[in-house]
Amino acid sequence: MDEALLVKMVWLFLPLLLSHVSAELFSVVVPETTVSGQLGGSVTLPCALSDNLDVRQLEVRWYRPSMYSSPALLYLNEKLDLSVTDITYQGRVSLPGPLEKGDVSLKLDDLRSSDLGMYMCHVSSDRWYDKSNVSLTMQAVGSSPILSMLDAGGGKVNVSCQSHGWLPKPSLSWRDSDGSSLNPPNKHTSTKVSEGFFSVSSWRLFTSSESSWVSCSVALPDSVGVIRESRVMPHLPTDNGIWMIAFFGTLILLLLLIIGVGVYFVVLKKENHTEFNSNEPQTPDWWQQMKSVKVRITIDSAETPEFFKITQGGSGMSCTHPIENHEEYRIKIFTLCKEKFSSGQQYWELKVKEDYNQKLSWYVGVATEEAKRINGIRFTPAKGFWVLFYEEGKGVCIRESPTPTTLSHISADLSDIGVFLDCDNHTLSFFNTETQSHLHTFTSVTFTTSLRPLISPGIRDTVPVKIC
């Protein structure tokens, strides 16, 4: 071959060869700083390929260190592959893209404390791969400080301050009415960790002459506006003060008695039927009136996970494959009923425990039609769920925030539950049908289209729950 012709051919094919090599060799680009998210919210972990290379024909794998084989997300053959992914992330992760421009950022929803830590962004082709890590931190704003006072003697008052549910570790400070710091010695302030969240407590002695009021503030480190504060006047009532309180307390009780008698006679004159109100005392008449709006509900098989078995024509359900080492919210553990309610009042009953069987967990309540049916979603009103549940070791609980609240006045032996939904007044109430006593009422039960009964036998035993 002529040397001049060979040179021309090299120059002709060189751009094509270089473009092919550049397509084969790429690098993964991530930010150097950590990414921070809010508990219960969403966050995006940035990751992209150099030169905006199209990744639709490549493999994208997001995983925790040492968890390559069970990643949080796997993109393969131009789609998400759920066959090997970690079940705790299913339904919570996505690739918003655009993938054709090399953007392989991971979006993570419904953030939990267990999501904290390092994530690997790994992209590979048949001949090349590259990876880099992104660190995720998280914030959770805890409760407003709870202040309490005790007489310490000698004219001094012991004021204590407690706050729970913070992430990361918060700081606590005391101030007087002038804004001056009153921080006690470090030995008077303590912090502990429970279920991944920080609780902080502190106490300080005050005299009446120190300040008209004092405040206790709890805040996250290096944050602006993320602070909770409570105030109190560090003065215990004197003997005269106690007599004054008793006098005015008695006077108020007499006024309330007079008003109550008047209301009683007004109620006696009412001839028209009045709707049931779950906030009223549950007399036999009220109880019968509530049961008069009882409806029949049936479990919806289309909403039921495969490890739940529906029995008794849609009125019973049990878990066929219990998980011994139970970790709450690892998988979708609930089903919905076919009935949809948007107005009026409805009542239904369930048996969550048999006397001769040990029940380790159960869940009852309602969910909005718009609520996400994804694995691991938390049963909070913010997510469209109002649920009463039981977990052995925790007791009967509700969850109005990411952290569950134990209803200590309810026995773990609770077996028969009545559920009363008042769509017009936006309330959901639970009752012990054996004792005809009130258990708990959710207020502000809001929805866009409708509400559906929610039932779950839990995933810790095979004992069923039944619709009565």
Protein backbone atom coordinates (compact mmCIF):
# COMPACT_ATOMS: atom_id res chain seq x y z
CA MET A 1 0.00 0.00 0.00
CA ASP A 2 1.27 3.45 -0.88
CA GLU A 3 2.62 5.27 2.21
CA ALA A 4 0.71 8.45 1.37
CA LEU A 5 -2.54 6.49 1.07
CA LEU A 6 -1.89 4.82 4.44
CA VAL A 7 -1.42 8.19 6.12
CA LYS A 8 -4.69 9.45 4.61
CA MET A 9 -6.58 6.39 5.90
CA VAL A 10 -5.16 6.87 9.41
CA TRP A 11 -6.23 10.49 9.46
CA LEU A 12 -9.63 9.49 8.08
CA PHE A 13 -10.38 6.86 10.78
CA LEU A 14 -8.58 8.52 13.70
CA PRO A 15 -11.59 10.64 14.86
CA LEU A 16 -13.80 7.55 14.76
CA LEU A 17 -11.30 5.55 16.82
CA LEU A 18 -10.90 8.34 19.36
CA SER A 19 -14.67 8.74 19.76
CA HIS A 20 -15.00 5.00 20.30
CA VAL A 21 -12.30 5.03 22.96
CA SER A 22 -13.86 8.03 24.69
CA ALA A 23 -17.18 6.20 24.75
CA GLU A 24 -15.53 3.17 26.32
CA LEU A 25 -13.59 5.15 28.93
CA PHE A 26 -15.57 7.35 31.30
CA SER A 27 -15.38 8.57 34.86
CA VAL A 28 -17.98 8.93 37.58
CA VAL A 29 -18.32 12.43 39.03
CA VAL A 30 -19.82 13.10 42.49
CA PRO A 31 -19.72 16.15 44.80
CA GLU A 32 -16.93 16.36 47.38
CA THR A 33 -19.30 17.56 50.11
CA THR A 34 -21.80 15.42 52.01
CA VAL A 35 -25.50 15.52 51.14
CA SER A 36 -28.00 16.26 53.91
CA GLY A 37 -31.68 15.27 54.05
CA GLN A 38 -34.64 15.72 56.40
CA LEU A 39 -36.12 12.72 58.18
CA GLY A 40 -39.28 11.61 56.35
CA GLY A 41 -38.46 13.76 53.33
CA SER A 42 -36.67 13.18 50.03
CA VAL A 43 -33.09 13.73 48.94
CA THR A 44 -31.06 13.38 45.74
CA LEU A 45 -27.54 11.91 45.80
CA PRO A 46 -25.78 13.52 42.80
CA CYS A 47 -23.76 11.38 40.39
CA ALA A 48 -22.99 11.84 36.69
CA LEU A 49 -20.68 10.58 33.94
CA SER A 50 -17.97 12.72 32.42
CA ASP A 51 -18.75 14.39 29.08
CA ASN A 52 -22.49 13.83 29.64
CA LEU A 53 -22.19 10.30 28.23
CA ASP A 54 -25.50 8.54 27.51
CA VAL A 55 -25.91 5.78 30.14
CA ARG A 56 -29.05 4.10 28.84
CA GLN A 57 -27.03 1.15 27.48
CA LEU A 58 -24.89 0.85 30.64
CA GLU A 59 -25.40 -0.70 34.07
CA VAL A 60 -26.00 1.65 37.02
CA ARG A 61 -25.71 0.28 40.54
CA TRP A 62 -26.21 2.20 43.80
CA TYR A 63 -25.24 0.24 46.91
CA ARG A 64 -23.99 0.56 50.48
CA PRO A 65 -20.37 -0.47 51.22
CA SER A 66 -20.03 -4.28 51.29
CA MET A 67 -23.57 -4.59 49.84
CA TYR A 68 -22.72 -4.83 46.11
CA SER A 69 -24.80 -7.97 45.56
CA SER A 70 -27.96 -6.47 47.12
CA PRO A 71 -27.94 -2.84 45.96
CA ALA A 72 -30.39 -0.09 46.82
CA LEU A 73 -30.99 0.35 43.07
CA LEU A 74 -29.96 -1.54 39.95
CA TYR A 75 -30.51 -0.21 36.41
CA LEU A 76 -29.89 -2.93 33.83
CA ASN A 77 -31.05 -3.50 30.23
CA GLU A 78 -32.64 -0.03 30.18
CA LYS A 79 -34.91 -0.66 33.18
CA LEU A 80 -34.85 -1.00 36.96
CA ASP A 81 -34.14 -4.56 38.10
CA LEU A 82 -35.85 -5.42 41.41
CA SER A 83 -34.80 -9.07 41.56
CA VAL A 84 -31.69 -8.51 43.70
CA THR A 85 -32.26 -5.11 45.29
CA ASP A 86 -32.46 -4.54 49.04
CA ILE A 87 -36.15 -4.75 49.98
CA THR A 88 -35.84 -1.84 52.43
CA TYR A 89 -35.31 0.52 49.48
CA GLN A 90 -37.93 -0.85 47.09
CA GLY A 91 -40.52 1.80 46.24
CA ARG A 92 -38.35 4.55 47.68
CA VAL A 93 -35.57 4.93 45.06
CA SER A 94 -35.50 6.18 41.48
CA LEU A 95 -33.22 7.64 38.79
CA PRO A 96 -34.77 11.00 37.81
CA GLY A 97 -32.08 11.52 35.11
CA PRO A 98 -31.90 12.57 32.34
CA LEU A 99 -29.98 9.34 31.68
CA GLU A 100 -29.23 10.30 28.08
CA LYS A 101 -27.14 13.18 29.42
CA GLY A 102 -25.19 11.06 31.89
CA ASP A 103 -27.15 11.96 35.03
CA VAL A 104 -27.41 8.87 37.26
CA SER A 105 -28.30 10.70 40.50
CA LEU A 106 -30.24 8.63 43.03
CA LYS A 107 -33.47 10.02 44.49
CA LEU A 108 -34.34 8.54 47.90
CA ASP A 109 -37.81 9.12 49.40
CA ASP A 110 -39.27 8.68 52.91
CA LEU A 111 -35.88 9.09 54.59
CA ARG A 112 -35.20 7.00 57.71
CA SER A 113 -32.46 7.07 60.28
CA SER A 114 -31.16 3.76 58.88
CA ASP A 115 -30.47 5.50 55.54
CA LEU A 116 -27.54 7.43 57.03
CA GLY A 117 -24.06 6.73 55.70
CA MET A 118 -22.09 6.05 52.54
CA TYR A 119 -23.50 5.14 49.11
CA MET A 120 -21.51 3.89 46.11
CA CYS A 121 -22.38 5.12 42.60
CA HIS A 122 -21.12 2.37 40.24
CA VAL A 123 -21.48 2.57 36.44
CA SER A 124 -20.17 -0.15 34.11
CA SER A 125 -20.07 -1.24 30.48
CA ASP A 126 -18.79 -4.46 28.93
CA ARG A 127 -15.21 -3.15 28.94
CA TRP A 128 -15.02 -0.46 31.62
CA TYR A 129 -16.38 0.69 34.94
CA ASP A 130 -15.91 3.48 37.43
CA LYS A 131 -17.35 4.22 40.85
CA SER A 132 -17.34 6.88 43.55
CA ASN A 133 -19.02 7.40 46.92
CA VAL A 134 -21.53 9.91 48.26
CA SER A 135 -22.09 10.48 51.97
CA LEU A 136 -25.63 11.08 53.30
CA THR A 137 -26.29 12.85 56.59
CA MET A 138 -29.72 13.52 58.05
CA GLN A 139 -31.58 15.93 60.26
CA ALA A 140 -34.61 15.32 62.46
CA VAL A 141 -36.18 18.14 64.46
CA GLY A 142 -37.29 16.85 67.84
CA SER A 143 -40.08 17.76 70.23
CA SER A 144 -40.54 21.08 71.97
CA PRO A 145 -38.78 21.02 75.35
CA ILE A 146 -40.88 19.81 78.29
CA LEU A 147 -40.26 21.87 81.42
CA SER A 148 -41.10 20.75 84.96
CA MET A 149 -40.45 22.24 88.40
CA LEU A 150 -39.76 20.81 91.86
CA ASP A 151 -39.21 22.53 95.19
CA ALA A 152 -35.49 22.18 96.00
CA GLY A 153 -35.78 23.83 99.43
CA GLY A 154 -34.09 26.96 100.70
CA GLY A 155 -36.14 29.16 98.39
CA LYS A 156 -34.82 27.40 95.27
CA VAL A 157 -36.66 25.69 92.43
CA ASN A 158 -35.29 22.77 90.39
CA VAL A 159 -36.32 23.27 86.76
CA SER A 160 -35.74 20.33 84.39
CA CYS A 161 -35.90 20.31 80.59
CA GLN A 162 -36.35 17.31 78.27
CA SER A 163 -36.65 16.96 74.49
CA HIS A 164 -36.72 13.86 72.27
CA GLY A 165 -36.38 12.77 68.63
CA TRP A 166 -33.34 14.74 67.37
CA LEU A 167 -30.79 13.88 64.72
CA PRO A 168 -27.88 14.56 64.81
CA LYS A 169 -26.99 15.26 68.46
CA PRO A 170 -28.56 18.61 69.47
CA SER A 171 -27.34 21.30 71.83
CA LEU A 172 -29.32 22.55 74.85
CA SER A 173 -29.11 26.02 76.36
CA TRP A 174 -30.76 27.97 79.19
CA ARG A 175 -31.43 31.73 79.06
CA ASP A 176 -33.09 34.28 81.29
CA SER A 177 -35.65 36.92 80.31
CA ASP A 178 -32.82 39.27 79.28
CA GLY A 179 -31.40 36.71 76.86
CA SER A 180 -28.32 36.02 78.99
CA SER A 181 -26.93 32.50 79.08
CA LEU A 182 -27.68 30.41 82.17
CA ASN A 183 -26.07 27.18 81.08
CA PRO A 184 -25.50 24.75 83.96
CA PRO A 185 -22.35 22.62 84.38
CA ASN A 186 -21.99 19.80 81.82
CA LYS A 187 -22.70 17.22 84.51
CA HIS A 188 -26.26 18.57 84.71
CA THR A 189 -26.93 17.88 81.00
CA SER A 190 -27.17 14.39 79.52
CA THR A 191 -27.86 12.86 76.11
CA LYS A 192 -28.98 9.37 75.19
CA VAL A 193 -29.80 7.53 71.95
CA SER A 194 -33.01 5.54 71.39
CA GLU A 195 -33.94 3.91 68.05
CA GLY A 196 -31.33 6.04 66.30
CA PHE A 197 -32.58 9.38 67.69
CA PHE A 198 -31.11 11.63 70.36
CA SER A 199 -32.86 12.72 73.54
CA VAL A 200 -31.40 15.49 75.68
CA SER A 201 -32.20 16.48 79.26
CA SER A 202 -30.89 19.09 81.69
CA TRP A 203 -31.71 20.66 85.04
CA ARG A 204 -30.82 23.83 86.88
CA LEU A 205 -31.57 25.46 90.24
CA PHE A 206 -33.19 28.91 90.24
CA THR A 207 -34.19 31.46 92.85
CA SER A 208 -37.15 33.80 92.53
CA SER A 209 -34.88 36.82 92.22
CA GLU A 210 -32.89 35.47 89.25
CA SER A 211 -35.40 36.02 86.44
CA SER A 212 -39.06 36.62 85.76
CA TRP A 213 -38.93 33.68 83.38
CA VAL A 214 -36.34 31.29 81.99
CA SER A 215 -36.18 29.46 78.67
CA CYS A 216 -34.77 26.12 77.59
CA SER A 217 -33.79 25.86 73.92
CA VAL A 218 -32.75 22.80 71.92
CA ALA A 219 -31.21 23.18 68.46
CA LEU A 220 -29.35 21.24 65.81
CA PRO A 221 -25.67 22.09 65.32
CA ASP A 222 -24.67 24.50 62.54
CA SER A 223 -28.29 25.15 61.57
CA VAL A 224 -30.33 28.30 61.12
CA GLY A 225 -33.91 28.43 62.41
CA VAL A 226 -34.02 24.76 63.47
CA ILE A 227 -34.70 25.35 67.16
CA ARG A 228 -37.30 24.44 69.78
CA GLU A 229 -37.85 26.62 72.85
CA SER A 230 -40.07 26.54 75.95
CA ARG A 231 -40.39 29.05 78.80
CA VAL A 232 -41.45 28.89 82.42
CA MET A 233 -41.57 31.15 85.46
CA PRO A 234 -39.43 29.44 88.16
CA HIS A 235 -41.77 30.24 91.03
CA LEU A 236 -43.70 27.71 93.09
CA PRO A 237 -46.98 28.90 94.68
CA THR A 238 -46.78 30.23 98.25
CA ASP A 239 -49.31 29.23 100.90
CA ASN A 240 -51.36 32.34 100.08
CA GLY A 241 -51.05 31.52 96.42
CA ILE A 242 -52.36 28.01 97.04
CA TRP A 243 -55.42 29.37 98.91
CA MET A 244 -56.07 31.81 96.05
CA ILE A 245 -55.83 29.00 93.50
CA ALA A 246 -58.19 26.85 95.57
CA PHE A 247 -60.70 29.72 95.89
CA PHE A 248 -60.78 30.54 92.20
CA GLY A 249 -60.76 26.85 91.32
CA THR A 250 -63.85 26.28 93.45
CA LEU A 251 -65.53 29.33 91.92
CA ILE A 252 -64.85 28.06 88.41
CA LEU A 253 -66.23 24.62 89.31
CA LEU A 254 -69.45 26.17 90.62
CA LEU A 255 -69.86 28.15 87.40
CA LEU A 256 -69.25 25.04 85.33
CA LEU A 257 -71.84 23.16 87.42
CA ILE A 258 -74.45 25.85 86.78
CA ILE A 259 -73.69 25.84 83.06
CA GLY A 260 -73.78 22.03 83.00
CA VAL A 261 -77.24 21.92 84.61
CA GLY A 262 -78.49 24.44 82.04
CA VAL A 263 -77.09 22.43 79.16
CA TYR A 264 -78.65 19.26 80.61
CA PHE A 265 -82.17 20.72 80.49
CA VAL A 266 -81.60 22.09 76.99
CA VAL A 267 -80.59 18.62 75.81
CA LEU A 268 -83.69 17.10 77.42
CA LYS A 269 -85.87 19.39 75.32
CA LYS A 270 -84.30 18.29 72.05
CA GLU A 271 -86.64 16.02 70.15
CA ASN A 272 -84.60 15.58 66.99
CA HIS A 273 -82.01 12.83 66.52
CA THR A 274 -78.44 14.01 67.08
CA GLU A 275 -75.46 12.41 65.28
CA PHE A 276 -72.99 10.44 67.34
CA ASN A 277 -69.93 12.35 68.52
CA SER A 278 -66.95 10.21 69.54
CA ASN A 279 -65.81 12.89 71.96
CA GLU A 280 -68.97 12.54 74.08
CA PRO A 281 -69.19 10.03 77.00
CA GLN A 282 -70.08 6.55 75.76
CA THR A 283 -73.41 5.84 77.47
CA PRO A 284 -75.40 2.77 76.34
CA ASP A 285 -77.58 5.00 74.14
CA TRP A 286 -74.56 6.48 72.42
CA TRP A 287 -73.08 3.02 72.01
CA GLN A 288 -76.19 1.67 70.33
CA GLN A 289 -76.38 4.76 68.14
CA MET A 290 -72.80 4.24 66.99
CA LYS A 291 -73.47 0.58 66.21
CA SER A 292 -76.50 1.66 64.17
CA VAL A 293 -74.14 2.91 61.45
CA LYS A 294 -72.18 -0.35 61.32
CA VAL A 295 -71.08 -1.31 57.80
CA ARG A 296 -69.82 -4.53 56.29
CA ILE A 297 -66.25 -4.36 55.00
CA THR A 298 -64.37 -6.89 52.86
CA ILE A 299 -60.64 -7.31 52.32
CA ASP A 300 -59.51 -6.33 48.81
CA SER A 301 -57.38 -9.13 47.34
CA ALA A 302 -55.82 -6.71 44.84
CA GLU A 303 -54.35 -4.71 47.76
CA THR A 304 -53.13 -7.75 49.72
CA PRO A 305 -49.44 -8.84 49.75
CA GLU A 306 -48.76 -12.40 48.62
CA PHE A 307 -47.57 -13.51 52.08
CA PHE A 308 -51.02 -12.70 53.56
CA LYS A 309 -53.75 -15.33 53.27
CA ILE A 310 -57.37 -14.18 52.98
CA THR A 311 -59.91 -16.45 54.68
CA GLN A 312 -63.61 -16.60 55.58
CA GLY A 313 -64.78 -15.04 52.34
CA GLY A 314 -62.72 -11.88 52.71
CA SER A 315 -63.30 -11.24 56.41
CA GLY A 316 -60.14 -12.84 57.85
CA MET A 317 -56.44 -12.61 57.12
CA SER A 318 -53.22 -14.15 58.44
CA CYS A 319 -49.49 -14.07 57.64
CA THR A 320 -48.26 -17.28 56.01
CA HIS A 321 -44.51 -16.64 56.38
CA PRO A 322 -43.77 -14.85 59.67
CA ILE A 323 -40.42 -13.11 60.10
CA GLU A 324 -38.79 -14.19 63.35
CA ASN A 325 -36.15 -11.47 63.51
CA HIS A 326 -38.71 -8.75 63.06
CA GLU A 327 -37.62 -5.32 61.87
CA GLU A 328 -40.55 -2.94 61.49
CA TYR A 329 -41.33 -1.54 58.03
CA ARG A 330 -38.95 -3.69 56.01
CA ILE A 331 -41.81 -4.73 53.71
CA LYS A 332 -45.37 -3.72 52.94
CA ILE A 333 -47.36 -5.23 55.78
CA PHE A 334 -50.93 -4.05 55.24
CA THR A 335 -53.98 -4.42 53.03
CA LEU A 336 -57.00 -2.25 52.33
CA CYS A 337 -60.70 -3.08 52.12
CA LYS A 338 -62.87 -2.68 49.04
CA GLU A 339 -65.17 -0.11 50.65
CA LYS A 340 -64.49 3.62 50.13
CA PHE A 341 -65.97 6.30 52.39
CA SER A 342 -66.12 10.05 51.75
CA SER A 343 -69.10 11.31 53.80
CA GLY A 344 -71.30 10.41 56.76
CA GLN A 345 -70.49 8.04 59.61
CA GLN A 346 -69.32 4.43 59.44
CA TYR A 347 -68.52 1.85 62.11
CA TRP A 348 -66.91 -1.59 61.91
CA GLU A 349 -65.46 -4.11 64.36
CA LEU A 350 -62.40 -6.37 64.29
CA LYS A 351 -61.00 -9.17 66.42
CA VAL A 352 -57.23 -8.74 66.59
CA LYS A 353 -56.43 -11.43 69.16
CA GLU A 354 -57.84 -14.76 70.32
CA ASP A 355 -57.73 -15.52 74.03
CA TYR A 356 -55.87 -18.78 73.49
CA ASN A 357 -53.27 -17.46 71.00
CA GLN A 358 -50.35 -15.10 71.52
CA LYS A 359 -50.48 -12.20 69.06
CA LEU A 360 -47.22 -10.37 68.43
CA SER A 361 -48.51 -7.55 66.20
CA TRP A 362 -51.57 -6.12 64.46
CA TYR A 363 -52.64 -2.90 62.68
CA VAL A 364 -56.10 -1.31 62.17
CA GLY A 365 -57.19 2.08 60.85
CA VAL A 366 -57.83 3.90 57.58
CA ALA A 367 -55.82 5.16 54.61
CA THR A 368 -56.61 7.71 51.93
CA GLU A 369 -57.21 6.53 48.40
CA GLU A 370 -54.19 8.65 47.40
CA ALA A 371 -51.82 7.07 49.96
CA LYS A 372 -48.81 5.37 48.41
CA ARG A 373 -48.87 1.57 48.41
CA ILE A 374 -45.12 1.17 48.66
CA ASN A 375 -42.92 -1.09 50.73
CA GLY A 376 -41.85 0.37 54.03
CA ILE A 377 -44.08 3.46 54.15
CA ARG A 378 -44.65 4.82 57.64
CA PHE A 379 -48.23 4.94 58.96
CA THR A 380 -48.40 8.69 59.68
CA PRO A 381 -51.18 11.22 58.93
CA ALA A 382 -48.70 13.11 56.73
CA LYS A 383 -48.54 10.01 54.50
CA GLY A 384 -52.34 9.52 54.53
CA PHE A 385 -52.56 6.87 57.30
CA TRP A 386 -54.36 6.95 60.67
CA VAL A 387 -53.55 3.66 62.39
CA LEU A 388 -53.74 2.06 65.83
CA PHE A 389 -51.22 -0.79 66.11
CA TYR A 390 -49.66 -3.26 68.53
CA GLU A 391 -46.08 -4.56 68.61
CA GLU A 392 -44.91 -6.88 71.37
CA GLY A 393 -42.32 -5.03 73.40
CA LYS A 394 -43.81 -1.62 72.55
CA GLY A 395 -47.49 -2.03 73.40
CA VAL A 396 -50.46 -0.40 71.68
CA CYS A 397 -49.25 2.63 69.75
CA ILE A 398 -50.16 5.39 67.34
CA ARG A 399 -47.81 7.21 64.98
CA GLU A 400 -48.56 10.91 64.48
CA SER A 401 -44.89 11.55 63.58
CA PRO A 402 -42.00 9.31 62.48
CA THR A 403 -41.56 8.24 66.11
CA PRO A 404 -44.37 6.01 67.52
CA THR A 405 -46.23 6.99 70.70
CA THR A 406 -47.19 4.22 73.13
CA LEU A 407 -50.70 4.50 74.62
CA SER A 408 -49.77 3.21 78.07
CA HIS A 409 -53.39 3.20 79.31
CA ILE A 410 -54.34 0.43 76.84
CA SER A 411 -53.72 -3.18 77.84
CA ALA A 412 -51.72 -5.48 75.57
CA ASP A 413 -54.58 -8.01 75.99
CA LEU A 414 -56.90 -5.85 73.89
CA SER A 415 -58.71 -8.24 71.53
CA ASP A 416 -61.88 -6.64 70.13
CA ILE A 417 -61.76 -3.19 68.52
CA GLY A 418 -64.51 -0.94 67.21
CA VAL A 419 -63.55 1.65 64.58
CA PHE A 420 -65.78 4.72 64.15
CA LEU A 421 -65.14 7.01 61.16
CA ASP A 422 -66.84 10.40 60.98
CA CYS A 423 -65.99 11.76 57.54
CA ASP A 424 -67.97 14.98 58.03
CA ASN A 425 -66.20 15.90 61.28
CA HIS A 426 -62.85 14.47 60.11
CA THR A 427 -62.31 12.16 63.10
CA LEU A 428 -61.39 8.50 63.53
CA SER A 429 -62.05 6.82 66.90
CA PHE A 430 -61.13 3.43 68.34
CA PHE A 431 -63.05 1.59 71.09
CA ASN A 432 -62.68 -1.51 73.21
CA THR A 433 -65.93 -3.29 72.31
CA GLU A 434 -65.72 -5.63 75.32
CA THR A 435 -65.73 -2.79 77.85
CA GLN A 436 -67.42 -0.23 75.57
CA SER A 437 -64.62 2.23 76.40
CA HIS A 438 -62.85 4.81 74.29
CA LEU A 439 -59.22 4.10 73.29
CA HIS A 440 -58.08 6.98 71.07
CA THR A 441 -59.37 9.54 68.56
CA PHE A 442 -57.50 11.02 65.60
CA THR A 443 -58.60 14.52 64.64
CA SER A 444 -57.95 16.34 61.35
CA VAL A 445 -58.48 13.19 59.28
CA THR A 446 -58.35 14.92 55.91
CA PHE A 447 -58.57 13.40 52.43
CA THR A 448 -59.11 14.38 48.80
CA THR A 449 -61.31 11.61 47.39
CA SER A 450 -62.09 8.87 49.94
CA LEU A 451 -60.88 6.77 52.88
CA ARG A 452 -60.51 2.97 52.99
CA PRO A 453 -60.32 0.65 56.03
CA LEU A 454 -56.78 -0.66 56.66
CA ILE A 455 -56.08 -4.05 58.26
CA SER A 456 -52.93 -6.06 58.95
CA PRO A 457 -52.18 -9.16 61.04
CA GLY A 458 -48.53 -8.11 61.14
CA ILE A 459 -45.67 -10.33 59.99
CA ARG A 460 -44.52 -11.83 63.29
CA ASP A 461 -47.01 -14.73 63.71
CA THR A 462 -49.66 -16.74 61.90
CA VAL A 463 -52.56 -15.74 64.17
CA PRO A 464 -55.27 -14.09 62.02
CA VAL A 465 -57.22 -10.88 62.45
CA LYS A 466 -60.93 -11.01 61.63
CA ILE A 467 -63.66 -8.61 60.60
CA CYS A 468 -66.65 -9.11 62.91
